[in-house]
């Protein structure tokens, strides 16, 4: 659901977009930190926010880090 948001921010499309790892953090909703394989040995770390159910809001891409490698640790950002 956040792939189009990242593609819009980056101004390009990703043929490959596969989540390989994630962590979550409970706040007033949930932050998900997701390591995504985007092809060519490149990874992107995403910070995705899911609001509380009663707020009825879609998932939102809060921030991201690009030019990551498979071995890069997925941490809070």
PDB file of N, CA and C in Angstrom:
ATOM      1  N   UNK A   1       0.803  -1.201   0.000  1.00  0.00           N
ATOM      2  CA  UNK A   1       0.000   0.000   0.000  1.00  0.00           C
ATOM      3  C   UNK A   1       0.845   1.263   0.000  1.00  0.00           C
ATOM      4  N   UNK A   2       2.118   1.176   0.426  1.00  0.00           N
ATOM      5  CA  UNK A   2       2.958   2.381   0.461  1.00  0.00           C
ATOM      6  C   UNK A   2       3.891   2.479  -0.745  1.00  0.00           C
ATOM      7  N   UNK A   3       3.932   1.449  -1.575  1.00  0.00           N
ATOM      8  CA  UNK A   3       4.797   1.487  -2.758  1.00  0.00           C
ATOM      9  C   UNK A   3       4.521   2.715  -3.622  1.00  0.00           C
ATOM     10  N   UNK A   4       3.257   3.020  -3.959  1.00  0.00           N
ATOM     11  CA  UNK A   4       3.002   4.214  -4.785  1.00  0.00           C
ATOM     12  C   UNK A   4       3.461   5.509  -4.108  1.00  0.00           C
ATOM     13  N   UNK A   5       3.393   5.558  -2.774  1.00  0.00           N
ATOM     14  CA  UNK A   5       3.845   6.751  -2.057  1.00  0.00           C
ATOM     15  C   UNK A   5       5.352   6.935  -2.229  1.00  0.00           C
ATOM     16  N   UNK A   6       6.116   5.841  -2.117  1.00  0.00           N
ATOM     17  CA  UNK A   6       7.564   5.923  -2.299  1.00  0.00           C
ATOM     18  C   UNK A   6       7.899   6.260  -3.745  1.00  0.00           C
ATOM     19  N   UNK A   7       7.211   5.638  -4.688  1.00  0.00           N
ATOM     20  CA  UNK A   7       7.473   5.915  -6.098  1.00  0.00           C
ATOM     21  C   UNK A   7       7.223   7.385  -6.427  1.00  0.00           C
ATOM     22  N   UNK A   8       6.197   7.965  -5.832  1.00  0.00           N
ATOM     23  CA  UNK A   8       5.913   9.378  -6.071  1.00  0.00           C
ATOM     24  C   UNK A   8       7.020  10.258  -5.498  1.00  0.00           C
ATOM     25  N   UNK A   9       7.487   9.944  -4.296  1.00  0.00           N
ATOM     26  CA  UNK A   9       8.549  10.738  -3.663  1.00  0.00           C
ATOM     27  C   UNK A   9       9.869  10.616  -4.419  1.00  0.00           C
ATOM     28  N   UNK A  10      10.137   9.426  -4.954  1.00  0.00           N
ATOM     29  CA  UNK A  10      11.393   9.179  -5.664  1.00  0.00           C
ATOM     30  C   UNK A  10      11.313   9.549  -7.141  1.00  0.00           C
ATOM     31  N   UNK A  11      10.120   9.673  -7.671  1.00  0.00           N
ATOM     32  CA  UNK A  11       9.954   9.999  -9.080  1.00  0.00           C
ATOM     33  C   UNK A  11      10.336   8.862 -10.010  1.00  0.00           C
ATOM     34  N   UNK A  12      10.184   7.625  -9.523  1.00  0.00           N
ATOM     35  CA  UNK A  12      10.468   6.455 -10.358  1.00  0.00           C
ATOM     36  C   UNK A  12       9.631   5.288  -9.882  1.00  0.00           C
ATOM     37  N   UNK A  13       9.562   4.259 -10.732  1.00  0.00           N
ATOM     38  CA  UNK A  13       8.821   3.058 -10.355  1.00  0.00           C
ATOM     39  C   UNK A  13       9.796   1.941 -10.011  1.00  0.00           C
ATOM     40  N   UNK A  14       9.345   1.048  -9.157  1.00  0.00           N
ATOM     41  CA  UNK A  14      10.156  -0.091  -8.737  1.00  0.00           C
ATOM     42  C   UNK A  14       9.525  -1.361  -9.294  1.00  0.00           C
ATOM     43  N   UNK A  15      10.280  -2.076 -10.131  1.00  0.00           N
ATOM     44  CA  UNK A  15       9.797  -3.346 -10.679  1.00  0.00           C
ATOM     45  C   UNK A  15       9.756  -4.411  -9.590  1.00  0.00           C
ATOM     46  N   UNK A  16      10.722  -4.335  -8.672  1.00  0.00           N
ATOM     47  CA  UNK A  16      10.805  -5.277  -7.560  1.00  0.00           C
ATOM     48  C   UNK A  16      10.537  -4.485  -6.288  1.00  0.00           C
ATOM     49  N   UNK A  17       9.701  -5.013  -5.399  1.00  0.00           N
ATOM     50  CA  UNK A  17       9.371  -4.321  -4.151  1.00  0.00           C
ATOM     51  C   UNK A  17       8.957  -5.390  -3.151  1.00  0.00           C
ATOM     52  N   UNK A  18       9.948  -6.004  -2.480  1.00  0.00           N
ATOM     53  CA  UNK A  18       9.703  -7.149  -1.619  1.00  0.00           C
ATOM     54  C   UNK A  18      10.187  -6.879  -0.200  1.00  0.00           C
ATOM     55  N   UNK A  19       9.281  -6.904   0.765  1.00  0.00           N
ATOM     56  CA  UNK A  19       9.658  -6.733   2.169  1.00  0.00           C
ATOM     57  C   UNK A  19      10.434  -7.959   2.620  1.00  0.00           C
ATOM     58  N   UNK A  20      11.587  -7.754   3.256  1.00  0.00           N
ATOM     59  CA  UNK A  20      12.403  -8.875   3.711  1.00  0.00           C
ATOM     60  C   UNK A  20      12.553  -8.911   5.232  1.00  0.00           C
ATOM     61  N   UNK A  21      12.223  -7.810   5.897  1.00  0.00           N
ATOM     62  CA  UNK A  21      12.326  -7.752   7.352  1.00  0.00           C
ATOM     63  C   UNK A  21      11.487  -6.581   7.841  1.00  0.00           C
ATOM     64  N   UNK A  22      10.974  -6.690   9.061  1.00  0.00           N
ATOM     65  CA  UNK A  22      10.276  -5.546   9.632  1.00  0.00           C
ATOM     66  C   UNK A  22      10.362  -5.571  11.149  1.00  0.00           C
ATOM     67  N   UNK A  23      10.185  -4.413  11.735  1.00  0.00           N
ATOM     68  CA  UNK A  23      10.063  -4.245  13.185  1.00  0.00           C
ATOM     69  C   UNK A  23       8.897  -3.295  13.403  1.00  0.00           C
ATOM     70  N   UNK A  24       8.303  -3.365  14.580  1.00  0.00           N
ATOM     71  CA  UNK A  24       7.208  -2.441  14.860  1.00  0.00           C
ATOM     72  C   UNK A  24       7.440  -1.748  16.195  1.00  0.00           C
ATOM     73  N   UNK A  25       6.807  -0.597  16.334  1.00  0.00           N
ATOM     74  CA  UNK A  25       6.884   0.202  17.546  1.00  0.00           C
ATOM     75  C   UNK A  25       5.480   0.739  17.812  1.00  0.00           C
ATOM     76  N   UNK A  26       4.972   0.474  19.007  1.00  0.00           N
ATOM     77  CA  UNK A  26       3.650   0.963  19.353  1.00  0.00           C
ATOM     78  C   UNK A  26       3.756   2.382  19.895  1.00  0.00           C
ATOM     79  N   UNK A  27       3.008   3.263  19.278  1.00  0.00           N
ATOM     80  CA  UNK A  27       2.905   4.659  19.708  1.00  0.00           C
ATOM     81  C   UNK A  27       1.405   4.942  19.759  1.00  0.00           C
ATOM     82  N   UNK A  28       0.953   6.121  19.414  1.00  0.00           N
ATOM     83  CA  UNK A  28      -0.490   6.364  19.288  1.00  0.00           C
ATOM     84  C   UNK A  28      -0.884   5.841  17.911  1.00  0.00           C
ATOM     85  N   UNK A  29      -0.742   4.550  17.734  1.00  0.00           N
ATOM     86  CA  UNK A  29      -0.838   3.847  16.462  1.00  0.00           C
ATOM     87  C   UNK A  29       0.366   2.920  16.423  1.00  0.00           C
ATOM     88  N   UNK A  30       0.840   2.588  15.245  1.00  0.00           N
ATOM     89  CA  UNK A  30       2.005   1.711  15.124  1.00  0.00           C
ATOM     90  C   UNK A  30       2.940   2.225  14.039  1.00  0.00           C
ATOM     91  N   UNK A  31       4.225   2.311  14.374  1.00  0.00           N
ATOM     92  CA  UNK A  31       5.259   2.571  13.379  1.00  0.00           C
ATOM     93  C   UNK A  31       5.805   1.229  12.937  1.00  0.00           C
ATOM     94  N   UNK A  32       5.929   1.038  11.642  1.00  0.00           N
ATOM     95  CA  UNK A  32       6.571  -0.151  11.092  1.00  0.00           C
ATOM     96  C   UNK A  32       7.839   0.288  10.397  1.00  0.00           C
ATOM     97  N   UNK A  33       8.927  -0.381  10.701  1.00  0.00           N
ATOM     98  CA  UNK A  33      10.198  -0.153  10.024  1.00  0.00           C
ATOM     99  C   UNK A  33      10.409  -1.368   9.138  1.00  0.00           C
ATOM    100  N   UNK A  34      10.449  -1.149   7.833  1.00  0.00           N
ATOM    101  CA  UNK A  34      10.431  -2.257   6.881  1.00  0.00           C
ATOM    102  C   UNK A  34      11.621  -2.155   5.941  1.00  0.00           C
ATOM    103  N   UNK A  35      12.367  -3.252   5.843  1.00  0.00           N
ATOM    104  CA  UNK A  35      13.465  -3.345   4.876  1.00  0.00           C
ATOM    105  C   UNK A  35      12.884  -3.942   3.605  1.00  0.00           C
ATOM    106  N   UNK A  36      13.005  -3.208   2.488  1.00  0.00           N
ATOM    107  CA  UNK A  36      12.403  -3.629   1.229  1.00  0.00           C
ATOM    108  C   UNK A  36      13.491  -3.789   0.171  1.00  0.00           C
ATOM    109  N   UNK A  37      13.490  -4.945  -0.493  1.00  0.00           N
ATOM    110  CA  UNK A  37      14.391  -5.189  -1.618  1.00  0.00           C
ATOM    111  C   UNK A  37      13.771  -4.560  -2.857  1.00  0.00           C
ATOM    112  N   UNK A  38      14.543  -3.690  -3.537  1.00  0.00           N
ATOM    113  CA  UNK A  38      14.022  -3.007  -4.726  1.00  0.00           C
ATOM    114  C   UNK A  38      14.789  -3.378  -5.996  1.00  0.00           C
ATOM    115  N   UNK A  39      15.571  -4.456  -5.934  1.00  0.00           N
ATOM    116  CA  UNK A  39      16.309  -4.919  -7.108  1.00  0.00           C
ATOM    117  C   UNK A  39      17.731  -4.405  -7.147  1.00  0.00           C
ATOM    118  N   UNK A  40      18.542  -4.989  -8.007  1.00  0.00           N
ATOM    119  CA  UNK A  40      19.945  -4.583  -8.209  1.00  0.00           C
ATOM    120  C   UNK A  40      20.738  -4.513  -6.911  1.00  0.00           C
ATOM    121  N   UNK A  41      20.506  -5.461  -6.010  1.00  0.00           N
ATOM    122  CA  UNK A  41      21.200  -5.496  -4.714  1.00  0.00           C
ATOM    123  C   UNK A  41      20.966  -4.245  -3.880  1.00  0.00           C
ATOM    124  N   UNK A  42      19.872  -3.536  -4.115  1.00  0.00           N
ATOM    125  CA  UNK A  42      19.552  -2.330  -3.358  1.00  0.00           C
ATOM    126  C   UNK A  42      18.348  -2.560  -2.451  1.00  0.00           C
ATOM    127  N   UNK A  43      18.417  -1.917  -1.299  1.00  0.00           N
ATOM    128  CA  UNK A  43      17.346  -2.001  -0.312  1.00  0.00           C
ATOM    129  C   UNK A  43      16.959  -0.596   0.115  1.00  0.00           C
ATOM    130  N   UNK A  44      15.717  -0.457   0.544  1.00  0.00           N
ATOM    131  CA  UNK A  44      15.200   0.798   1.079  1.00  0.00           C
ATOM    132  C   UNK A  44      14.600   0.476   2.436  1.00  0.00           C
ATOM    133  N   UNK A  45      14.870   1.336   3.423  1.00  0.00           N
ATOM    134  CA  UNK A  45      14.237   1.187   4.725  1.00  0.00           C
ATOM    135  C   UNK A  45      13.078   2.176   4.791  1.00  0.00           C
ATOM    136  N   UNK A  46      11.896   1.661   5.118  1.00  0.00           N
ATOM    137  CA  UNK A  46      10.699   2.489   5.182  1.00  0.00           C
ATOM    138  C   UNK A  46      10.227   2.630   6.620  1.00  0.00           C
ATOM    139  N   UNK A  47       9.701   3.796   6.938  1.00  0.00           N
ATOM    140  CA  UNK A  47       9.002   3.998   8.205  1.00  0.00           C
ATOM    141  C   UNK A  47       7.551   4.293   7.845  1.00  0.00           C
ATOM    142  N   UNK A  48       6.687   3.339   8.174  1.00  0.00           N
ATOM    143  CA  UNK A  48       5.276   3.410   7.805  1.00  0.00           C
ATOM    144  C   UNK A  48       4.444   3.537   9.081  1.00  0.00           C
ATOM    145  N   UNK A  49       3.495   4.441   9.065  1.00  0.00           N
ATOM    146  CA  UNK A  49       2.641   4.657  10.231  1.00  0.00           C
ATOM    147  C   UNK A  49       1.229   4.133   9.975  1.00  0.00           C
ATOM    148  N   UNK A  50       0.737   3.346  10.932  1.00  0.00           N
ATOM    149  CA  UNK A  50      -0.654   2.882  10.896  1.00  0.00           C
ATOM    150  C   UNK A  50      -1.366   3.514  12.090  1.00  0.00           C
ATOM    151  N   UNK A  51      -2.356   4.330  11.813  1.00  0.00           N
ATOM    152  CA  UNK A  51      -3.094   5.012  12.874  1.00  0.00           C
ATOM    153  C   UNK A  51      -3.966   4.027  13.637  1.00  0.00           C
ATOM    154  N   UNK A  52      -4.528   4.499  14.729  1.00  0.00           N
ATOM    155  CA  UNK A  52      -5.430   3.661  15.512  1.00  0.00           C
ATOM    156  C   UNK A  52      -6.681   3.336  14.692  1.00  0.00           C
ATOM    157  N   UNK A  53      -7.262   2.153  14.901  1.00  0.00           N
ATOM    158  CA  UNK A  53      -8.400   1.724  14.083  1.00  0.00           C
ATOM    159  C   UNK A  53      -9.554   2.718  14.016  1.00  0.00           C
ATOM    160  N   UNK A  54      -9.875   3.372  15.122  1.00  0.00           N
ATOM    161  CA  UNK A  54     -11.035   4.278  15.127  1.00  0.00           C
ATOM    162  C   UNK A  54     -10.793   5.550  14.296  1.00  0.00           C
ATOM    163  N   UNK A  55      -9.514   5.833  13.971  1.00  0.00           N
ATOM    164  CA  UNK A  55      -9.210   7.012  13.158  1.00  0.00           C
ATOM    165  C   UNK A  55      -9.487   6.761  11.676  1.00  0.00           C
ATOM    166  N   UNK A  56      -9.521   5.479  11.283  1.00  0.00           N
ATOM    167  CA  UNK A  56      -9.871   5.095   9.916  1.00  0.00           C
ATOM    168  C   UNK A  56      -9.051   5.819   8.848  1.00  0.00           C
ATOM    169  N   UNK A  57      -7.727   5.875   9.043  1.00  0.00           N
ATOM    170  CA  UNK A  57      -6.822   6.523   8.085  1.00  0.00           C
ATOM    171  C   UNK A  57      -5.992   5.451   7.380  1.00  0.00           C
ATOM    172  N   UNK A  58      -5.572   5.713   6.145  1.00  0.00           N
ATOM    173  CA  UNK A  58      -4.758   4.734   5.429  1.00  0.00           C
ATOM    174  C   UNK A  58      -3.321   4.707   5.963  1.00  0.00           C
ATOM    175  N   UNK A  59      -2.601   3.646   5.628  1.00  0.00           N
ATOM    176  CA  UNK A  59      -1.182   3.577   5.960  1.00  0.00           C
ATOM    177  C   UNK A  59      -0.471   4.750   5.310  1.00  0.00           C
ATOM    178  N   UNK A  60       0.513   5.313   6.012  1.00  0.00           N
ATOM    179  CA  UNK A  60       1.238   6.428   5.414  1.00  0.00           C
ATOM    180  C   UNK A  60       2.741   6.219   5.534  1.00  0.00           C
ATOM    181  N   UNK A  61       3.434   6.521   4.454  1.00  0.00           N
ATOM    182  CA  UNK A  61       4.890   6.466   4.435  1.00  0.00           C
ATOM    183  C   UNK A  61       5.383   7.721   5.130  1.00  0.00           C
ATOM    184  N   UNK A  62       5.952   7.555   6.309  1.00  0.00           N
ATOM    185  CA  UNK A  62       6.398   8.706   7.104  1.00  0.00           C
ATOM    186  C   UNK A  62       7.762   9.178   6.623  1.00  0.00           C
ATOM    187  N   UNK A  63       8.691   8.248   6.445  1.00  0.00           N
ATOM    188  CA  UNK A  63      10.028   8.588   5.944  1.00  0.00           C
ATOM    189  C   UNK A  63      10.688   7.329   5.401  1.00  0.00           C
ATOM    190  N   UNK A  64      11.831   7.520   4.764  1.00  0.00           N
ATOM    191  CA  UNK A  64      12.544   6.370   4.204  1.00  0.00           C
ATOM    192  C   UNK A  64      14.017   6.696   4.078  1.00  0.00           C
ATOM    193  N   UNK A  65      14.812   5.638   3.980  1.00  0.00           N
ATOM    194  CA  UNK A  65      16.251   5.750   3.765  1.00  0.00           C
ATOM    195  C   UNK A  65      16.592   4.869   2.587  1.00  0.00           C
ATOM    196  N   UNK A  66      17.295   5.420   1.607  1.00  0.00           N
ATOM    197  CA  UNK A  66      17.644   4.631   0.423  1.00  0.00           C
ATOM    198  C   UNK A  66      19.122   4.288   0.422  1.00  0.00           C
ATOM    199  N   UNK A  67      19.544   3.568  -0.620  1.00  0.00           N
ATOM    200  CA  UNK A  67      20.936   3.112  -0.760  1.00  0.00           C
ATOM    201  C   UNK A  67      21.374   2.263   0.426  1.00  0.00           C
ATOM    202  N   UNK A  68      20.521   1.362   0.839  1.00  0.00           N
ATOM    203  CA  UNK A  68      20.839   0.436   1.922  1.00  0.00           C
ATOM    204  C   UNK A  68      21.247  -0.906   1.334  1.00  0.00           C
ATOM    205  N   UNK A  69      21.931  -1.713   2.144  1.00  0.00           N
ATOM    206  CA  UNK A  69      22.368  -3.048   1.731  1.00  0.00           C
ATOM    207  C   UNK A  69      21.655  -4.086   2.597  1.00  0.00           C
ATOM    208  N   UNK A  70      21.686  -5.337   2.152  1.00  0.00           N
ATOM    209  CA  UNK A  70      20.999  -6.407   2.872  1.00  0.00           C
ATOM    210  C   UNK A  70      21.462  -6.490   4.327  1.00  0.00           C
ATOM    211  N   UNK A  71      22.753  -6.275   4.599  1.00  0.00           N
ATOM    212  CA  UNK A  71      23.290  -6.425   5.942  1.00  0.00           C
ATOM    213  C   UNK A  71      23.058  -5.201   6.834  1.00  0.00           C
ATOM    214  N   UNK A  72      22.580  -4.084   6.293  1.00  0.00           N
ATOM    215  CA  UNK A  72      22.343  -2.888   7.096  1.00  0.00           C
ATOM    216  C   UNK A  72      21.239  -3.164   8.111  1.00  0.00           C
ATOM    217  N   UNK A  73      21.501  -2.818   9.372  1.00  0.00           N
ATOM    218  CA  UNK A  73      20.539  -3.072  10.437  1.00  0.00           C
ATOM    219  C   UNK A  73      19.319  -2.156  10.288  1.00  0.00           C
ATOM    220  N   UNK A  74      18.173  -2.727  10.533  1.00  0.00           N
ATOM    221  CA  UNK A  74      16.916  -1.989  10.485  1.00  0.00           C
ATOM    222  C   UNK A  74      16.709  -1.355  11.857  1.00  0.00           C
ATOM    223  N   UNK A  75      16.822  -0.026  11.943  1.00  0.00           N
ATOM    224  CA  UNK A  75      16.724   0.672  13.222  1.00  0.00           C
ATOM    225  C   UNK A  75      15.709   1.809  13.123  1.00  0.00           C
ATOM    226  N   UNK A  76      15.377   2.359  14.286  1.00  0.00           N
ATOM    227  CA  UNK A  76      14.467   3.504  14.354  1.00  0.00           C
ATOM    228  C   UNK A  76      15.085   4.693  13.622  1.00  0.00           C
ATOM    229  N   UNK A  77      14.306   5.404  12.845  1.00  0.00           N
ATOM    230  CA  UNK A  77      14.761   6.644  12.204  1.00  0.00           C
ATOM    231  C   UNK A  77      13.588   7.571  12.041  1.00  0.00           C
TER     232      UNK A  77
END
